[in-house]
Amino acid sequence: MSNIRNLLRSSGRCSLIQSNKFHTSQSLNTFWVSDEKGGYKGRTEKLPPLNKRISEGFKELKNEFRLFKQEVIDEIHGTNMPLIIRRDEIDVSFKFGDEQSIDKWVTSSDSDHNEGFSKCELSLTKEGKGLFSGNLCKTVPKDGKIARAGYCNMATKTFRKSFKRETRFDWSMYNILNMRVRGDGRAYFVNIGTKGYFDLMWNDMYHYIMFTRGGPYWENVRIPFSKFIFSSRGRIQDRQCPINLQNISSFSITLADKVDGKFNLEIDYIGLENDPNHRERFAYEMYETDNNIAAN
């Protein structure tokens, strides 16, 4: 070992060895993120006492067994098998009408992370419809870090089976997203998440803009899945691809139109439709170029 040290010292590389160990460079983490939320911890809530958590845990366990029993019954009777999809029929995936339907969603805004002053909520109207409302504010906090602000979002909670098992929705038998809404004339982002199992795909999301008319009348919004644009971490990707409709992990609606003021979006249902006349699989044509001309 001493001969190796003398050889390295004579060649000016003795710094490579120290205490019989090679130095290693710091690992690159340019694309790696530590958690799915990219560092956002969300609202911090104080945990209740231990004895109360234990009692609530037993109540939750009873509910989980009830859900598991229903899953077994559905599996035996085949209710989970896909049915025949008829033309012009809408299969409702999310329906508002009671407090239980509201509990399936969570709202967030820039003020939740101390990055702005927007506020929003999801509530029920007197008619039993879902109401996504609040106030959008694009004023930037004077902390020298935040460059832009102003967004409000409503999103589904994680789809789970019994015993907190995470699952996905399979929308592969449909090609149209059908929503019955009553808006305020503002433009909203409709987002479909297809989170993968690796950190590189945690933030895969598809977007399309929903323009509302405003006024007292309801409107049916029909958006083909082929029109959605692929992005990751809020950035549109150069390589576009169709939605993997067998791996739907979340659905959300976002307001970020850079217009200060109150907003109201009333939602009756969010459904799915199979239109045989719509044969388009993907609306955005991709071009392959030579590596010497442009980067892929």
C-alpha atoms as a PDB file:
ATOM      1  CA  MET A   1       0.000   0.000   0.000  1.00  0.00           C
ATOM      2  CA  SER A   2       2.930   2.354   0.731  1.00  0.00           C
ATOM      3  CA  ASN A   3       4.246   1.826  -2.819  1.00  0.00           C
ATOM      4  CA  ILE A   4       0.855   2.881  -4.230  1.00  0.00           C
ATOM      5  CA  ARG A   5       0.876   6.014  -2.060  1.00  0.00           C
ATOM      6  CA  ASN A   6       4.396   6.930  -3.220  1.00  0.00           C
ATOM      7  CA  LEU A   7       3.376   6.424  -6.830  1.00  0.00           C
ATOM      8  CA  LEU A   8       0.295   8.626  -6.427  1.00  0.00           C
ATOM      9  CA  ARG A   9       2.279  11.274  -4.538  1.00  0.00           C
ATOM     10  CA  SER A  10       4.836  11.455  -7.343  1.00  0.00           C
ATOM     11  CA  SER A  11       2.075  11.857  -9.910  1.00  0.00           C
ATOM     12  CA  GLY A  12       0.261  14.591  -7.944  1.00  0.00           C
ATOM     13  CA  ARG A  13      -2.749  12.413  -7.135  1.00  0.00           C
ATOM     14  CA  CYS A  14      -2.172  11.742  -3.465  1.00  0.00           C
ATOM     15  CA  SER A  15      -5.313  13.704  -2.614  1.00  0.00           C
ATOM     16  CA  LEU A  16      -7.359  10.816  -3.979  1.00  0.00           C
ATOM     17  CA  ILE A  17      -6.388   8.646  -1.039  1.00  0.00           C
ATOM     18  CA  GLN A  18      -6.931   9.661   2.541  1.00  0.00           C
ATOM     19  CA  SER A  19      -7.222   7.241   5.410  1.00  0.00           C
ATOM     20  CA  ASN A  20      -7.207   4.370   2.899  1.00  0.00           C
ATOM     21  CA  LYS A  21     -10.470   5.645   1.311  1.00  0.00           C
ATOM     22  CA  PHE A  22     -11.185   7.118  -2.093  1.00  0.00           C
ATOM     23  CA  HIS A  23     -12.976  10.469  -2.236  1.00  0.00           C
ATOM     24  CA  THR A  24     -16.323  10.452  -3.990  1.00  0.00           C
ATOM     25  CA  SER A  25     -18.124  13.390  -5.552  1.00  0.00           C
ATOM     26  CA  GLN A  26     -21.486  14.545  -4.215  1.00  0.00           C
ATOM     27  CA  SER A  27     -24.434  12.690  -5.714  1.00  0.00           C
ATOM     28  CA  LEU A  28     -26.461  14.556  -8.307  1.00  0.00           C
ATOM     29  CA  ASN A  29     -30.070  15.238  -7.374  1.00  0.00           C
ATOM     30  CA  THR A  30     -31.109  17.511 -10.234  1.00  0.00           C
ATOM     31  CA  PHE A  31     -34.119  15.377 -11.160  1.00  0.00           C
ATOM     32  CA  TRP A  32     -34.637  13.544  -7.893  1.00  0.00           C
ATOM     33  CA  VAL A  33     -37.242  14.815  -5.441  1.00  0.00           C
ATOM     34  CA  SER A  34     -37.505  13.666  -1.842  1.00  0.00           C
ATOM     35  CA  ASP A  35     -41.292  13.352  -1.731  1.00  0.00           C
ATOM     36  CA  GLU A  36     -44.305  13.478  -4.038  1.00  0.00           C
ATOM     37  CA  LYS A  37     -45.255  17.023  -3.042  1.00  0.00           C
ATOM     38  CA  GLY A  38     -41.808  18.411  -3.853  1.00  0.00           C
ATOM     39  CA  GLY A  39     -41.198  19.670  -0.322  1.00  0.00           C
ATOM     40  CA  TYR A  40     -44.666  21.049   0.398  1.00  0.00           C
ATOM     41  CA  LYS A  41     -45.925  19.666   3.695  1.00  0.00           C
ATOM     42  CA  GLY A  42     -49.385  21.192   3.501  1.00  0.00           C
ATOM     43  CA  ARG A  43     -51.406  22.110   6.528  1.00  0.00           C
ATOM     44  CA  THR A  44     -49.819  21.040   9.802  1.00  0.00           C
ATOM     45  CA  GLU A  45     -52.351  19.807  12.342  1.00  0.00           C
ATOM     46  CA  LYS A  46     -51.700  18.973  15.959  1.00  0.00           C
ATOM     47  CA  LEU A  47     -52.257  15.305  16.727  1.00  0.00           C
ATOM     48  CA  PRO A  48     -54.869  14.403  19.377  1.00  0.00           C
ATOM     49  CA  PRO A  49     -53.850  12.517  22.548  1.00  0.00           C
ATOM     50  CA  LEU A  50     -52.722   8.911  22.207  1.00  0.00           C
ATOM     51  CA  ASN A  51     -55.759   7.372  23.910  1.00  0.00           C
ATOM     52  CA  LYS A  52     -58.097   9.265  21.587  1.00  0.00           C
ATOM     53  CA  ARG A  53     -56.097   8.145  18.544  1.00  0.00           C
ATOM     54  CA  ILE A  54     -56.345   4.514  19.678  1.00  0.00           C
ATOM     55  CA  SER A  55     -60.123   4.693  20.097  1.00  0.00           C
ATOM     56  CA  GLU A  56     -60.507   6.387  16.698  1.00  0.00           C
ATOM     57  CA  GLY A  57     -58.254   3.730  15.188  1.00  0.00           C
ATOM     58  CA  PHE A  58     -60.563   0.934  16.352  1.00  0.00           C
ATOM     59  CA  LYS A  59     -63.548   2.787  14.858  1.00  0.00           C
ATOM     60  CA  GLU A  60     -61.642   3.150  11.586  1.00  0.00           C
ATOM     61  CA  LEU A  61     -60.737  -0.547  11.646  1.00  0.00           C
ATOM     62  CA  LYS A  62     -64.424  -1.455  11.828  1.00  0.00           C
ATOM     63  CA  ASN A  63     -65.121   0.692   8.787  1.00  0.00           C
ATOM     64  CA  GLU A  64     -62.216  -0.891   6.873  1.00  0.00           C
ATOM     65  CA  PHE A  65     -63.601  -4.391   7.480  1.00  0.00           C
ATOM     66  CA  ARG A  66     -66.967  -3.212   6.200  1.00  0.00           C
ATOM     67  CA  LEU A  67     -65.335  -1.911   3.006  1.00  0.00           C
ATOM     68  CA  PHE A  68     -63.399  -5.153   2.583  1.00  0.00           C
ATOM     69  CA  LYS A  69     -66.602  -7.169   2.946  1.00  0.00           C
ATOM     70  CA  GLN A  70     -68.241  -5.080   0.221  1.00  0.00           C
ATOM     71  CA  GLU A  71     -65.225  -5.600  -2.069  1.00  0.00           C
ATOM     72  CA  VAL A  72     -65.494  -9.381  -1.643  1.00  0.00           C
ATOM     73  CA  ILE A  73     -69.230  -9.284  -2.429  1.00  0.00           C
ATOM     74  CA  ASP A  74     -68.617  -7.167  -5.535  1.00  0.00           C
ATOM     75  CA  GLU A  75     -65.912  -9.571  -6.674  1.00  0.00           C
ATOM     76  CA  ILE A  76     -68.148 -12.613  -6.220  1.00  0.00           C
ATOM     77  CA  HIS A  77     -71.123 -11.101  -8.027  1.00  0.00           C
ATOM     78  CA  GLY A  78     -68.942  -9.569 -10.732  1.00  0.00           C
ATOM     79  CA  THR A  79     -70.121  -5.991 -10.207  1.00  0.00           C
ATOM     80  CA  ASN A  80     -66.551  -4.773 -10.792  1.00  0.00           C
ATOM     81  CA  MET A  81     -66.539  -6.157 -14.317  1.00  0.00           C
ATOM     82  CA  PRO A  82     -66.861  -3.512 -17.054  1.00  0.00           C
ATOM     83  CA  LEU A  83     -70.344  -3.174 -18.482  1.00  0.00           C
ATOM     84  CA  ILE A  84     -71.344  -2.504 -22.058  1.00  0.00           C
ATOM     85  CA  ILE A  85     -70.869   1.185 -22.779  1.00  0.00           C
ATOM     86  CA  ARG A  86     -73.796   2.554 -24.757  1.00  0.00           C
ATOM     87  CA  ARG A  87     -73.696   5.523 -27.060  1.00  0.00           C
ATOM     88  CA  ASP A  88     -74.690   8.931 -25.643  1.00  0.00           C
ATOM     89  CA  GLU A  89     -74.839   7.552 -22.098  1.00  0.00           C
ATOM     90  CA  ILE A  90     -72.912   9.318 -19.346  1.00  0.00           C
ATOM     91  CA  ASP A  91     -71.375   7.254 -16.554  1.00  0.00           C
ATOM     92  CA  VAL A  92     -71.095   9.610 -13.587  1.00  0.00           C
ATOM     93  CA  SER A  93     -67.763   9.266 -11.803  1.00  0.00           C
ATOM     94  CA  PHE A  94     -68.117  12.110  -9.280  1.00  0.00           C
ATOM     95  CA  LYS A  95     -71.546  13.297  -8.168  1.00  0.00           C
ATOM     96  CA  PHE A  96     -72.256  16.055  -5.662  1.00  0.00           C
ATOM     97  CA  GLY A  97     -75.284  15.963  -3.399  1.00  0.00           C
ATOM     98  CA  ASP A  98     -74.307  15.384   0.229  1.00  0.00           C
ATOM     99  CA  GLU A  99     -71.459  15.941   2.684  1.00  0.00           C
ATOM    100  CA  GLN A 100     -69.985  12.531   1.879  1.00  0.00           C
ATOM    101  CA  SER A 101     -69.421  13.617  -1.728  1.00  0.00           C
ATOM    102  CA  ILE A 102     -67.598  16.746  -0.491  1.00  0.00           C
ATOM    103  CA  ASP A 103     -65.313  14.675   1.764  1.00  0.00           C
ATOM    104  CA  LYS A 104     -63.815  13.016  -1.325  1.00  0.00           C
ATOM    105  CA  TRP A 105     -62.173  16.333  -2.295  1.00  0.00           C
ATOM    106  CA  VAL A 106     -59.564  18.653  -0.840  1.00  0.00           C
ATOM    107  CA  THR A 107     -58.966  22.335  -1.654  1.00  0.00           C
ATOM    108  CA  SER A 108     -55.692  24.243  -1.659  1.00  0.00           C
ATOM    109  CA  SER A 109     -54.378  27.681  -2.606  1.00  0.00           C
ATOM    110  CA  ASP A 110     -51.148  29.652  -2.524  1.00  0.00           C
ATOM    111  CA  SER A 111     -51.965  30.986   0.958  1.00  0.00           C
ATOM    112  CA  ASP A 112     -51.797  27.436   2.364  1.00  0.00           C
ATOM    113  CA  HIS A 113     -48.044  27.477   1.685  1.00  0.00           C
ATOM    114  CA  ASN A 114     -47.472  31.157   2.590  1.00  0.00           C
ATOM    115  CA  GLU A 115     -46.929  31.949  -1.085  1.00  0.00           C
ATOM    116  CA  GLY A 116     -49.894  34.260  -1.665  1.00  0.00           C
ATOM    117  CA  PHE A 117     -53.220  35.500  -0.397  1.00  0.00           C
ATOM    118  CA  SER A 118     -55.804  33.475  -2.363  1.00  0.00           C
ATOM    119  CA  LYS A 119     -58.561  31.604  -0.544  1.00  0.00           C
ATOM    120  CA  CYS A 120     -60.984  28.904  -1.705  1.00  0.00           C
ATOM    121  CA  GLU A 121     -63.428  26.294  -0.446  1.00  0.00           C
ATOM    122  CA  LEU A 122     -65.712  23.538  -1.690  1.00  0.00           C
ATOM    123  CA  SER A 123     -69.223  23.502  -0.266  1.00  0.00           C
ATOM    124  CA  LEU A 124     -72.788  22.443  -1.050  1.00  0.00           C
ATOM    125  CA  THR A 125     -75.444  24.783  -2.407  1.00  0.00           C
ATOM    126  CA  LYS A 126     -79.084  24.787  -1.310  1.00  0.00           C
ATOM    127  CA  GLU A 127     -79.858  22.615  -4.342  1.00  0.00           C
ATOM    128  CA  GLY A 128     -77.202  20.086  -3.310  1.00  0.00           C
ATOM    129  CA  LYS A 129     -74.631  20.960  -5.985  1.00  0.00           C
ATOM    130  CA  GLY A 130     -70.909  21.346  -5.423  1.00  0.00           C
ATOM    131  CA  LEU A 131     -69.718  24.968  -5.240  1.00  0.00           C
ATOM    132  CA  PHE A 132     -66.028  25.728  -5.778  1.00  0.00           C
ATOM    133  CA  SER A 133     -65.663  29.349  -4.681  1.00  0.00           C
ATOM    134  CA  GLY A 134     -63.234  31.802  -3.170  1.00  0.00           C
ATOM    135  CA  ASN A 135     -61.110  34.818  -3.947  1.00  0.00           C
ATOM    136  CA  LEU A 136     -58.120  34.823  -6.298  1.00  0.00           C
ATOM    137  CA  CYS A 137     -55.333  37.263  -5.477  1.00  0.00           C
ATOM    138  CA  LYS A 138     -52.174  37.530  -7.541  1.00  0.00           C
ATOM    139  CA  THR A 139     -50.410  39.865  -5.083  1.00  0.00           C
ATOM    140  CA  VAL A 140     -46.905  38.531  -4.456  1.00  0.00           C
ATOM    141  CA  PRO A 141     -45.668  38.311  -0.849  1.00  0.00           C
ATOM    142  CA  LYS A 142     -42.788  40.677  -0.130  1.00  0.00           C
ATOM    143  CA  ASP A 143     -40.312  38.042   0.953  1.00  0.00           C
ATOM    144  CA  GLY A 144     -37.906  38.290  -1.974  1.00  0.00           C
ATOM    145  CA  LYS A 145     -38.444  34.628  -2.905  1.00  0.00           C
ATOM    146  CA  ILE A 146     -41.867  34.310  -4.530  1.00  0.00           C
ATOM    147  CA  ALA A 147     -42.019  35.636  -8.110  1.00  0.00           C
ATOM    148  CA  ARG A 148     -45.707  35.017  -8.905  1.00  0.00           C
ATOM    149  CA  ALA A 149     -48.855  34.057  -7.037  1.00  0.00           C
ATOM    150  CA  GLY A 150     -52.543  33.458  -7.540  1.00  0.00           C
ATOM    151  CA  TYR A 151     -54.040  29.969  -7.769  1.00  0.00           C
ATOM    152  CA  CYS A 152     -56.866  27.951  -6.211  1.00  0.00           C
ATOM    153  CA  ASN A 153     -57.373  24.240  -6.640  1.00  0.00           C
ATOM    154  CA  MET A 154     -59.848  21.478  -5.826  1.00  0.00           C
ATOM    155  CA  ALA A 155     -58.601  17.909  -6.160  1.00  0.00           C
ATOM    156  CA  THR A 156     -59.737  14.396  -5.364  1.00  0.00           C
ATOM    157  CA  LYS A 157     -58.214  12.650  -2.408  1.00  0.00           C
ATOM    158  CA  THR A 158     -56.127   9.555  -3.039  1.00  0.00           C
ATOM    159  CA  PHE A 159     -58.256   6.719  -4.402  1.00  0.00           C
ATOM    160  CA  ARG A 160     -58.134   3.920  -1.854  1.00  0.00           C
ATOM    161  CA  LYS A 161     -59.628   0.511  -1.213  1.00  0.00           C
ATOM    162  CA  SER A 162     -60.066  -1.063   2.199  1.00  0.00           C
ATOM    163  CA  PHE A 163     -57.157  -0.949   4.671  1.00  0.00           C
ATOM    164  CA  LYS A 164     -55.842   2.207   2.960  1.00  0.00           C
ATOM    165  CA  ARG A 165     -54.710   0.406  -0.175  1.00  0.00           C
ATOM    166  CA  GLU A 166     -54.046   2.880  -2.964  1.00  0.00           C
ATOM    167  CA  THR A 167     -55.780   2.170  -6.248  1.00  0.00           C
ATOM    168  CA  ARG A 168     -56.315   3.693  -9.700  1.00  0.00           C
ATOM    169  CA  PHE A 169     -59.312   4.384 -11.926  1.00  0.00           C
ATOM    170  CA  ASP A 170     -59.611   2.698 -15.305  1.00  0.00           C
ATOM    171  CA  TRP A 171     -61.211   5.014 -17.880  1.00  0.00           C
ATOM    172  CA  SER A 172     -59.902   3.170 -20.935  1.00  0.00           C
ATOM    173  CA  MET A 173     -63.436   2.366 -22.172  1.00  0.00           C
ATOM    174  CA  TYR A 174     -64.252   6.078 -22.585  1.00  0.00           C
ATOM    175  CA  ASN A 175     -62.971   8.859 -24.823  1.00  0.00           C
ATOM    176  CA  ILE A 176     -64.916  11.931 -23.624  1.00  0.00           C
ATOM    177  CA  LEU A 177     -64.962  13.770 -20.306  1.00  0.00           C
ATOM    178  CA  ASN A 178     -68.454  15.148 -19.685  1.00  0.00           C
ATOM    179  CA  MET A 179     -69.152  17.753 -16.976  1.00  0.00           C
ATOM    180  CA  ARG A 180     -72.297  19.682 -16.061  1.00  0.00           C
ATOM    181  CA  VAL A 181     -71.241  23.020 -14.588  1.00  0.00           C
ATOM    182  CA  ARG A 182     -72.439  26.565 -14.099  1.00  0.00           C
ATOM    183  CA  GLY A 183     -69.528  28.986 -14.184  1.00  0.00           C
ATOM    184  CA  ASP A 184     -68.827  32.673 -13.877  1.00  0.00           C
ATOM    185  CA  GLY A 185     -67.225  33.332 -17.252  1.00  0.00           C
ATOM    186  CA  ARG A 186     -63.690  32.542 -16.097  1.00  0.00           C
ATOM    187  CA  ALA A 187     -61.325  29.907 -17.499  1.00  0.00           C
ATOM    188  CA  TYR A 188     -60.438  26.884 -15.378  1.00  0.00           C
ATOM    189  CA  PHE A 189     -57.818  24.183 -15.810  1.00  0.00           C
ATOM    190  CA  VAL A 190     -59.132  20.617 -15.851  1.00  0.00           C
ATOM    191  CA  ASN A 191     -56.335  18.296 -14.676  1.00  0.00           C
ATOM    192  CA  ILE A 192     -55.992  14.510 -14.829  1.00  0.00           C
ATOM    193  CA  GLY A 193     -53.161  12.901 -12.882  1.00  0.00           C
ATOM    194  CA  THR A 194     -51.437   9.686 -13.951  1.00  0.00           C
ATOM    195  CA  LYS A 195     -48.873   9.361 -11.180  1.00  0.00           C
ATOM    196  CA  GLY A 196     -46.431   6.532 -11.783  1.00  0.00           C
ATOM    197  CA  TYR A 197     -44.564   4.400  -9.284  1.00  0.00           C
ATOM    198  CA  PHE A 198     -41.158   6.074  -9.762  1.00  0.00           C
ATOM    199  CA  ASP A 199     -40.236   9.598  -8.657  1.00  0.00           C
ATOM    200  CA  LEU A 200     -39.695  10.713 -12.255  1.00  0.00           C
ATOM    201  CA  MET A 201     -43.419  10.164 -12.911  1.00  0.00           C
ATOM    202  CA  TRP A 202     -44.849  11.402  -9.618  1.00  0.00           C
ATOM    203  CA  ASN A 203     -45.899  14.722 -11.158  1.00  0.00           C
ATOM    204  CA  ASP A 204     -47.217  13.524 -14.537  1.00  0.00           C
ATOM    205  CA  MET A 205     -50.348  15.529 -15.281  1.00  0.00           C
ATOM    206  CA  TYR A 206     -52.617  16.256 -18.258  1.00  0.00           C
ATOM    207  CA  HIS A 207     -54.398  19.606 -18.668  1.00  0.00           C
ATOM    208  CA  TYR A 208     -57.104  21.238 -20.721  1.00  0.00           C
ATOM    209  CA  ILE A 209     -58.716  24.666 -20.357  1.00  0.00           C
ATOM    210  CA  MET A 210     -62.440  24.801 -19.624  1.00  0.00           C
ATOM    211  CA  PHE A 211     -64.022  28.110 -20.663  1.00  0.00           C
ATOM    212  CA  THR A 212     -67.254  28.842 -18.808  1.00  0.00           C
ATOM    213  CA  ARG A 213     -69.987  31.095 -20.194  1.00  0.00           C
ATOM    214  CA  GLY A 214     -71.260  32.558 -16.962  1.00  0.00           C
ATOM    215  CA  GLY A 215     -74.839  33.566 -16.364  1.00  0.00           C
ATOM    216  CA  PRO A 216     -77.757  31.656 -14.850  1.00  0.00           C
ATOM    217  CA  TYR A 217     -77.725  28.658 -17.200  1.00  0.00           C
ATOM    218  CA  TRP A 218     -76.085  25.270 -16.778  1.00  0.00           C
ATOM    219  CA  GLU A 219     -73.800  23.979 -19.515  1.00  0.00           C
ATOM    220  CA  ASN A 220     -72.506  20.553 -20.498  1.00  0.00           C
ATOM    221  CA  VAL A 221     -68.776  20.587 -21.131  1.00  0.00           C
ATOM    222  CA  ARG A 222     -67.486  17.764 -23.329  1.00  0.00           C
ATOM    223  CA  ILE A 223     -63.682  17.422 -23.540  1.00  0.00           C
ATOM    224  CA  PRO A 224     -62.105  14.563 -25.545  1.00  0.00           C
ATOM    225  CA  PHE A 225     -59.244  12.872 -23.738  1.00  0.00           C
ATOM    226  CA  SER A 226     -57.201  13.208 -26.931  1.00  0.00           C
ATOM    227  CA  LYS A 227     -57.039  17.008 -26.416  1.00  0.00           C
ATOM    228  CA  PHE A 228     -55.310  16.961 -23.030  1.00  0.00           C
ATOM    229  CA  ILE A 229     -51.729  18.309 -22.894  1.00  0.00           C
ATOM    230  CA  PHE A 230     -49.002  16.454 -21.008  1.00  0.00           C
ATOM    231  CA  SER A 231     -46.919  18.288 -18.382  1.00  0.00           C
ATOM    232  CA  SER A 232     -44.717  17.554 -15.390  1.00  0.00           C
ATOM    233  CA  ARG A 233     -44.216  19.814 -12.361  1.00  0.00           C
ATOM    234  CA  GLY A 234     -46.234  22.498 -14.130  1.00  0.00           C
ATOM    235  CA  ARG A 235     -44.106  22.524 -17.295  1.00  0.00           C
ATOM    236  CA  ILE A 236     -45.424  21.418 -20.683  1.00  0.00           C
ATOM    237  CA  GLN A 237     -43.253  18.627 -22.044  1.00  0.00           C
ATOM    238  CA  ASP A 238     -41.684  18.632 -25.502  1.00  0.00           C
ATOM    239  CA  ARG A 239     -42.594  15.005 -26.052  1.00  0.00           C
ATOM    240  CA  GLN A 240     -46.366  14.755 -25.878  1.00  0.00           C
ATOM    241  CA  CYS A 241     -48.213  11.454 -25.523  1.00  0.00           C
ATOM    242  CA  PRO A 242     -51.810  10.264 -24.995  1.00  0.00           C
ATOM    243  CA  ILE A 243     -53.223   9.754 -21.520  1.00  0.00           C
ATOM    244  CA  ASN A 244     -52.806   6.326 -20.008  1.00  0.00           C
ATOM    245  CA  LEU A 245     -56.492   5.988 -19.132  1.00  0.00           C
ATOM    246  CA  GLN A 246     -55.859   2.774 -17.216  1.00  0.00           C
ATOM    247  CA  ASN A 247     -53.833   4.639 -14.596  1.00  0.00           C
ATOM    248  CA  ILE A 248     -55.935   7.606 -13.427  1.00  0.00           C
ATOM    249  CA  SER A 249     -54.639   8.646  -9.999  1.00  0.00           C
ATOM    250  CA  SER A 250     -56.339  12.030  -9.483  1.00  0.00           C
ATOM    251  CA  PHE A 251     -58.704  14.615 -10.929  1.00  0.00           C
ATOM    252  CA  SER A 252     -58.618  18.324 -10.158  1.00  0.00           C
ATOM    253  CA  ILE A 253     -59.828  21.760 -11.254  1.00  0.00           C
ATOM    254  CA  THR A 254     -57.583  24.815 -10.958  1.00  0.00           C
ATOM    255  CA  LEU A 255     -58.187  28.541 -11.286  1.00  0.00           C
ATOM    256  CA  ALA A 256     -55.092  30.577 -12.188  1.00  0.00           C
ATOM    257  CA  ASP A 257     -56.257  33.080 -14.810  1.00  0.00           C
ATOM    258  CA  LYS A 258     -54.342  36.063 -13.312  1.00  0.00           C
ATOM    259  CA  VAL A 259     -57.562  37.992 -12.613  1.00  0.00           C
ATOM    260  CA  ASP A 260     -58.075  39.254  -9.074  1.00  0.00           C
ATOM    261  CA  GLY A 261     -61.498  38.809  -7.564  1.00  0.00           C
ATOM    262  CA  LYS A 262     -64.105  36.348  -6.398  1.00  0.00           C
ATOM    263  CA  PHE A 263     -65.015  33.255  -8.394  1.00  0.00           C
ATOM    264  CA  ASN A 264     -67.809  30.673  -8.348  1.00  0.00           C
ATOM    265  CA  LEU A 265     -67.950  27.366 -10.172  1.00  0.00           C
ATOM    266  CA  GLU A 266     -71.009  25.219  -9.543  1.00  0.00           C
ATOM    267  CA  ILE A 267     -70.648  21.521 -10.381  1.00  0.00           C
ATOM    268  CA  ASP A 268     -73.438  18.978 -10.729  1.00  0.00           C
ATOM    269  CA  TYR A 269     -71.432  15.941 -11.829  1.00  0.00           C
ATOM    270  CA  ILE A 270     -68.234  14.827 -13.551  1.00  0.00           C
ATOM    271  CA  GLY A 271     -68.851  11.910 -15.897  1.00  0.00           C
ATOM    272  CA  LEU A 272     -67.443   9.806 -18.702  1.00  0.00           C
ATOM    273  CA  GLU A 273     -68.757   9.124 -22.179  1.00  0.00           C
ATOM    274  CA  ASN A 274     -67.888   6.902 -25.117  1.00  0.00           C
ATOM    275  CA  ASP A 275     -68.563   8.665 -28.419  1.00  0.00           C
ATOM    276  CA  PRO A 276     -68.049   6.264 -31.376  1.00  0.00           C
ATOM    277  CA  ASN A 277     -67.892   9.227 -33.776  1.00  0.00           C
ATOM    278  CA  HIS A 278     -64.775  10.553 -32.060  1.00  0.00           C
ATOM    279  CA  ARG A 279     -61.942   8.442 -33.422  1.00  0.00           C
ATOM    280  CA  GLU A 280     -59.046  10.760 -32.651  1.00  0.00           C
ATOM    281  CA  ARG A 281     -56.550   9.132 -30.328  1.00  0.00           C
ATOM    282  CA  PHE A 282     -54.122  12.017 -29.929  1.00  0.00           C
ATOM    283  CA  ALA A 283     -54.495  15.581 -31.191  1.00  0.00           C
ATOM    284  CA  TYR A 284     -50.862  16.682 -31.172  1.00  0.00           C
ATOM    285  CA  GLU A 285     -48.590  15.357 -33.895  1.00  0.00           C
ATOM    286  CA  MET A 286     -44.979  14.756 -32.900  1.00  0.00           C
ATOM    287  CA  TYR A 287     -42.079  15.122 -35.343  1.00  0.00           C
ATOM    288  CA  GLU A 288     -38.852  13.161 -35.208  1.00  0.00           C
ATOM    289  CA  THR A 289     -35.847  15.213 -36.341  1.00  0.00           C
ATOM    290  CA  ASP A 290     -32.261  14.316 -37.009  1.00  0.00           C
ATOM    291  CA  ASN A 291     -29.993  14.670 -33.981  1.00  0.00           C
ATOM    292  CA  ASN A 292     -27.638  16.912 -35.932  1.00  0.00           C
ATOM    293  CA  ILE A 293     -30.450  19.392 -36.689  1.00  0.00           C
ATOM    294  CA  ALA A 294     -32.359  19.682 -33.432  1.00  0.00           C
ATOM    295  CA  ALA A 295     -32.415  18.008 -30.079  1.00  0.00           C
ATOM    296  CA  ASN A 296     -35.183  15.506 -29.517  1.00  0.00           C
END
